[in-house]
């Protein structure tokens, strides 16, 4: 199992200590490009399907909230990228 697969497996468990950088890597691996927004808002766009995921970068800490991880997981499941 490679790094991408290990990180995706960790992401699927919705850990309480998942960082912003850890979230950006699997999204990039699935073809999402990070687009800056206003302030801490970011969009991740997948050109193949025109799917957009909007997220707030956590601050002042770096840990992504559980509800945001669940939203991203649902999008990845809907697109068939994760079972």
N, C-alpha and C. Protein backbone atom coordinates (compact mmCIF):
# COMPACT_ATOMS: atom_id res chain seq x y z
N UNK A 1 0.85 -1.17 0.00
CA UNK A 1 0.00 0.00 0.00
C UNK A 1 0.90 1.24 0.00
N UNK A 2 0.67 2.14 -0.95
CA UNK A 2 1.48 3.35 -1.07
C UNK A 2 1.03 4.44 -0.12
N UNK A 3 1.74 5.57 -0.18
CA UNK A 3 1.43 6.69 0.71
C UNK A 3 0.01 7.21 0.52
N UNK A 4 -0.37 7.36 -0.76
CA UNK A 4 -1.71 7.88 -1.06
C UNK A 4 -2.78 6.97 -0.46
N UNK A 5 -2.64 5.67 -0.66
CA UNK A 5 -3.63 4.72 -0.14
C UNK A 5 -3.68 4.74 1.39
N UNK A 6 -2.53 4.85 2.03
CA UNK A 6 -2.48 4.90 3.49
C UNK A 6 -3.15 6.16 4.02
N UNK A 7 -2.91 7.28 3.34
CA UNK A 7 -3.51 8.54 3.77
C UNK A 7 -5.02 8.53 3.55
N UNK A 8 -5.46 7.94 2.45
CA UNK A 8 -6.89 7.82 2.19
C UNK A 8 -7.55 6.92 3.23
N UNK A 9 -6.90 5.82 3.58
CA UNK A 9 -7.44 4.91 4.60
C UNK A 9 -7.56 5.63 5.94
N UNK A 10 -6.58 6.43 6.28
CA UNK A 10 -6.63 7.21 7.52
C UNK A 10 -7.76 8.24 7.45
N UNK A 11 -7.90 8.90 6.31
CA UNK A 11 -8.96 9.89 6.11
C UNK A 11 -10.34 9.27 6.27
N UNK A 12 -10.53 8.07 5.75
CA UNK A 12 -11.83 7.40 5.80
C UNK A 12 -12.28 7.11 7.24
N UNK A 13 -11.33 7.01 8.15
CA UNK A 13 -11.66 6.77 9.56
C UNK A 13 -12.09 8.05 10.28
N UNK A 14 -12.05 9.19 9.61
CA UNK A 14 -12.39 10.49 10.17
C UNK A 14 -11.68 10.71 11.52
N UNK A 15 -10.35 10.79 11.48
CA UNK A 15 -9.61 10.98 12.73
C UNK A 15 -9.79 12.40 13.27
N UNK A 16 -9.63 12.56 14.57
CA UNK A 16 -9.80 13.87 15.19
C UNK A 16 -8.57 14.76 15.03
N UNK A 17 -7.48 14.20 14.51
CA UNK A 17 -6.25 14.98 14.38
C UNK A 17 -5.78 15.09 12.92
N UNK A 18 -6.71 15.14 11.97
CA UNK A 18 -6.38 15.20 10.55
C UNK A 18 -6.09 16.66 10.19
N UNK A 19 -4.89 16.91 9.66
CA UNK A 19 -4.47 18.28 9.39
C UNK A 19 -4.89 18.75 8.00
N UNK A 20 -4.82 20.05 7.79
CA UNK A 20 -5.17 20.65 6.50
C UNK A 20 -4.28 20.09 5.38
N UNK A 21 -2.99 19.98 5.63
CA UNK A 21 -2.07 19.46 4.62
C UNK A 21 -2.39 18.00 4.29
N UNK A 22 -2.76 17.23 5.29
CA UNK A 22 -3.14 15.84 5.06
C UNK A 22 -4.40 15.75 4.21
N UNK A 23 -5.30 16.70 4.33
CA UNK A 23 -6.52 16.71 3.52
C UNK A 23 -6.23 17.14 2.09
N UNK A 24 -5.34 18.09 1.91
CA UNK A 24 -5.01 18.59 0.57
C UNK A 24 -4.34 17.51 -0.30
N UNK A 25 -3.52 16.68 0.31
CA UNK A 25 -2.79 15.66 -0.47
C UNK A 25 -3.70 14.63 -1.14
N UNK A 26 -4.64 13.99 -0.43
CA UNK A 26 -5.49 13.03 -1.14
C UNK A 26 -6.40 13.70 -2.16
N UNK A 27 -6.87 14.92 -1.87
CA UNK A 27 -7.69 15.61 -2.85
C UNK A 27 -6.90 15.85 -4.13
N UNK A 28 -5.66 16.25 -3.99
CA UNK A 28 -4.81 16.44 -5.17
C UNK A 28 -4.59 15.11 -5.89
N UNK A 29 -4.45 14.04 -5.13
CA UNK A 29 -4.27 12.72 -5.71
C UNK A 29 -5.49 12.25 -6.51
N UNK A 30 -6.66 12.76 -6.16
CA UNK A 30 -7.89 12.42 -6.88
C UNK A 30 -8.18 13.41 -8.01
N UNK A 31 -7.28 14.35 -8.25
CA UNK A 31 -7.43 15.26 -9.37
C UNK A 31 -8.04 16.61 -9.04
N UNK A 32 -8.18 16.93 -7.75
CA UNK A 32 -8.72 18.23 -7.36
C UNK A 32 -7.59 19.25 -7.31
N UNK A 33 -7.85 20.43 -7.82
CA UNK A 33 -6.88 21.53 -7.76
C UNK A 33 -7.37 22.55 -6.76
N UNK A 34 -6.46 23.01 -5.89
CA UNK A 34 -6.81 23.98 -4.86
C UNK A 34 -6.83 25.38 -5.47
N UNK A 35 -7.94 26.08 -5.27
CA UNK A 35 -8.10 27.45 -5.76
C UNK A 35 -8.34 28.34 -4.55
N UNK A 36 -7.54 29.37 -4.41
CA UNK A 36 -7.69 30.28 -3.29
C UNK A 36 -8.99 31.05 -3.37
N UNK A 37 -9.49 31.39 -2.24
CA UNK A 37 -10.71 32.18 -2.17
C UNK A 37 -10.47 33.40 -1.31
N UNK A 38 -11.51 33.87 -0.70
CA UNK A 38 -11.42 35.03 0.19
C UNK A 38 -11.03 34.57 1.59
N UNK A 39 -9.96 35.11 2.11
CA UNK A 39 -9.54 34.77 3.47
C UNK A 39 -9.14 33.32 3.60
N UNK A 40 -9.84 32.59 4.48
CA UNK A 40 -9.49 31.19 4.72
C UNK A 40 -10.33 30.23 3.89
N UNK A 41 -11.14 30.76 2.97
CA UNK A 41 -11.99 29.91 2.13
C UNK A 41 -11.19 29.41 0.93
N UNK A 42 -11.34 28.12 0.65
CA UNK A 42 -10.68 27.51 -0.49
C UNK A 42 -11.68 26.65 -1.24
N UNK A 43 -11.47 26.58 -2.55
CA UNK A 43 -12.26 25.68 -3.38
C UNK A 43 -11.30 24.64 -3.94
N UNK A 44 -11.77 23.43 -4.00
CA UNK A 44 -11.04 22.35 -4.65
C UNK A 44 -11.89 21.94 -5.85
N UNK A 45 -11.32 22.06 -7.04
CA UNK A 45 -12.07 21.84 -8.27
C UNK A 45 -11.48 20.63 -9.00
N UNK A 46 -12.35 19.73 -9.38
CA UNK A 46 -11.94 18.56 -10.18
C UNK A 46 -12.41 18.82 -11.61
N UNK A 47 -11.48 19.06 -12.51
CA UNK A 47 -11.78 19.48 -13.88
C UNK A 47 -12.57 18.42 -14.65
N UNK A 48 -12.29 17.14 -14.41
CA UNK A 48 -12.95 16.07 -15.15
C UNK A 48 -14.47 16.11 -14.99
N UNK A 49 -14.92 16.41 -13.77
CA UNK A 49 -16.36 16.35 -13.49
C UNK A 49 -16.94 17.71 -13.12
N UNK A 50 -16.11 18.73 -13.09
CA UNK A 50 -16.52 20.08 -12.64
C UNK A 50 -17.08 20.06 -11.22
N UNK A 51 -16.62 19.12 -10.42
CA UNK A 51 -17.05 19.02 -9.02
C UNK A 51 -16.26 20.04 -8.21
N UNK A 52 -16.95 20.78 -7.36
CA UNK A 52 -16.31 21.79 -6.52
C UNK A 52 -16.59 21.45 -5.05
N UNK A 53 -15.53 21.46 -4.25
CA UNK A 53 -15.64 21.26 -2.81
C UNK A 53 -15.15 22.55 -2.16
N UNK A 54 -16.00 23.19 -1.37
CA UNK A 54 -15.66 24.43 -0.69
C UNK A 54 -15.37 24.14 0.78
N UNK A 55 -14.22 24.62 1.24
CA UNK A 55 -13.80 24.38 2.63
C UNK A 55 -13.17 25.63 3.22
N UNK A 56 -13.23 25.72 4.53
CA UNK A 56 -12.51 26.77 5.26
C UNK A 56 -11.24 26.16 5.81
N UNK A 57 -10.13 26.82 5.58
CA UNK A 57 -8.88 26.37 6.18
C UNK A 57 -8.96 26.66 7.68
N UNK A 58 -8.68 25.67 8.50
CA UNK A 58 -8.80 25.88 9.95
C UNK A 58 -7.78 26.90 10.46
N UNK A 59 -8.21 27.71 11.40
CA UNK A 59 -7.31 28.66 12.04
C UNK A 59 -7.86 28.99 13.41
N UNK A 60 -7.11 29.27 14.40
CA UNK A 60 -5.67 29.41 14.35
C UNK A 60 -4.93 28.08 14.30
N UNK A 61 -5.61 26.99 14.57
CA UNK A 61 -4.95 25.68 14.51
C UNK A 61 -4.88 25.15 13.10
N UNK A 62 -4.54 23.89 12.95
CA UNK A 62 -4.36 23.30 11.63
C UNK A 62 -5.21 22.04 11.46
N UNK A 63 -6.04 21.71 12.44
CA UNK A 63 -6.81 20.47 12.42
C UNK A 63 -8.18 20.73 11.79
N UNK A 64 -8.53 19.90 10.79
CA UNK A 64 -9.79 20.05 10.07
C UNK A 64 -10.92 19.50 10.93
N UNK A 65 -12.03 20.22 10.95
CA UNK A 65 -13.20 19.79 11.73
C UNK A 65 -13.79 18.51 11.15
N UNK A 66 -14.39 17.70 12.03
CA UNK A 66 -14.96 16.42 11.61
C UNK A 66 -16.06 16.58 10.58
N UNK A 67 -16.90 17.61 10.70
CA UNK A 67 -17.98 17.78 9.74
C UNK A 67 -17.44 18.05 8.34
N UNK A 68 -16.32 18.75 8.24
CA UNK A 68 -15.72 19.01 6.94
C UNK A 68 -15.16 17.72 6.34
N UNK A 69 -14.54 16.90 7.16
CA UNK A 69 -14.02 15.62 6.67
C UNK A 69 -15.16 14.73 6.17
N UNK A 70 -16.27 14.72 6.90
CA UNK A 70 -17.42 13.91 6.47
C UNK A 70 -17.99 14.43 5.16
N UNK A 71 -18.03 15.75 4.97
CA UNK A 71 -18.53 16.32 3.72
C UNK A 71 -17.64 15.91 2.54
N UNK A 72 -16.34 15.99 2.72
CA UNK A 72 -15.41 15.62 1.65
C UNK A 72 -15.53 14.13 1.37
N UNK A 73 -15.62 13.32 2.40
CA UNK A 73 -15.77 11.87 2.21
C UNK A 73 -17.02 11.56 1.41
N UNK A 74 -18.12 12.23 1.69
CA UNK A 74 -19.37 12.01 0.96
C UNK A 74 -19.21 12.38 -0.52
N UNK A 75 -18.54 13.47 -0.80
CA UNK A 75 -18.30 13.88 -2.19
C UNK A 75 -17.46 12.83 -2.92
N UNK A 76 -16.43 12.35 -2.28
CA UNK A 76 -15.55 11.35 -2.90
C UNK A 76 -16.30 10.05 -3.14
N UNK A 77 -17.20 9.70 -2.24
CA UNK A 77 -18.02 8.48 -2.43
C UNK A 77 -19.01 8.68 -3.58
N UNK A 78 -19.63 9.85 -3.65
CA UNK A 78 -20.59 10.13 -4.72
C UNK A 78 -19.93 10.08 -6.09
N UNK A 79 -18.68 10.54 -6.16
CA UNK A 79 -17.96 10.53 -7.43
C UNK A 79 -17.33 9.18 -7.74
N UNK A 80 -17.45 8.22 -6.84
CA UNK A 80 -16.91 6.89 -7.07
C UNK A 80 -15.41 6.79 -6.89
N UNK A 81 -14.82 7.76 -6.20
CA UNK A 81 -13.38 7.75 -5.98
C UNK A 81 -13.01 6.91 -4.76
N UNK A 82 -13.97 6.77 -3.84
CA UNK A 82 -13.81 5.94 -2.64
C UNK A 82 -15.05 5.08 -2.53
N UNK A 83 -14.87 3.85 -2.13
CA UNK A 83 -16.03 2.95 -1.96
C UNK A 83 -16.68 3.14 -0.62
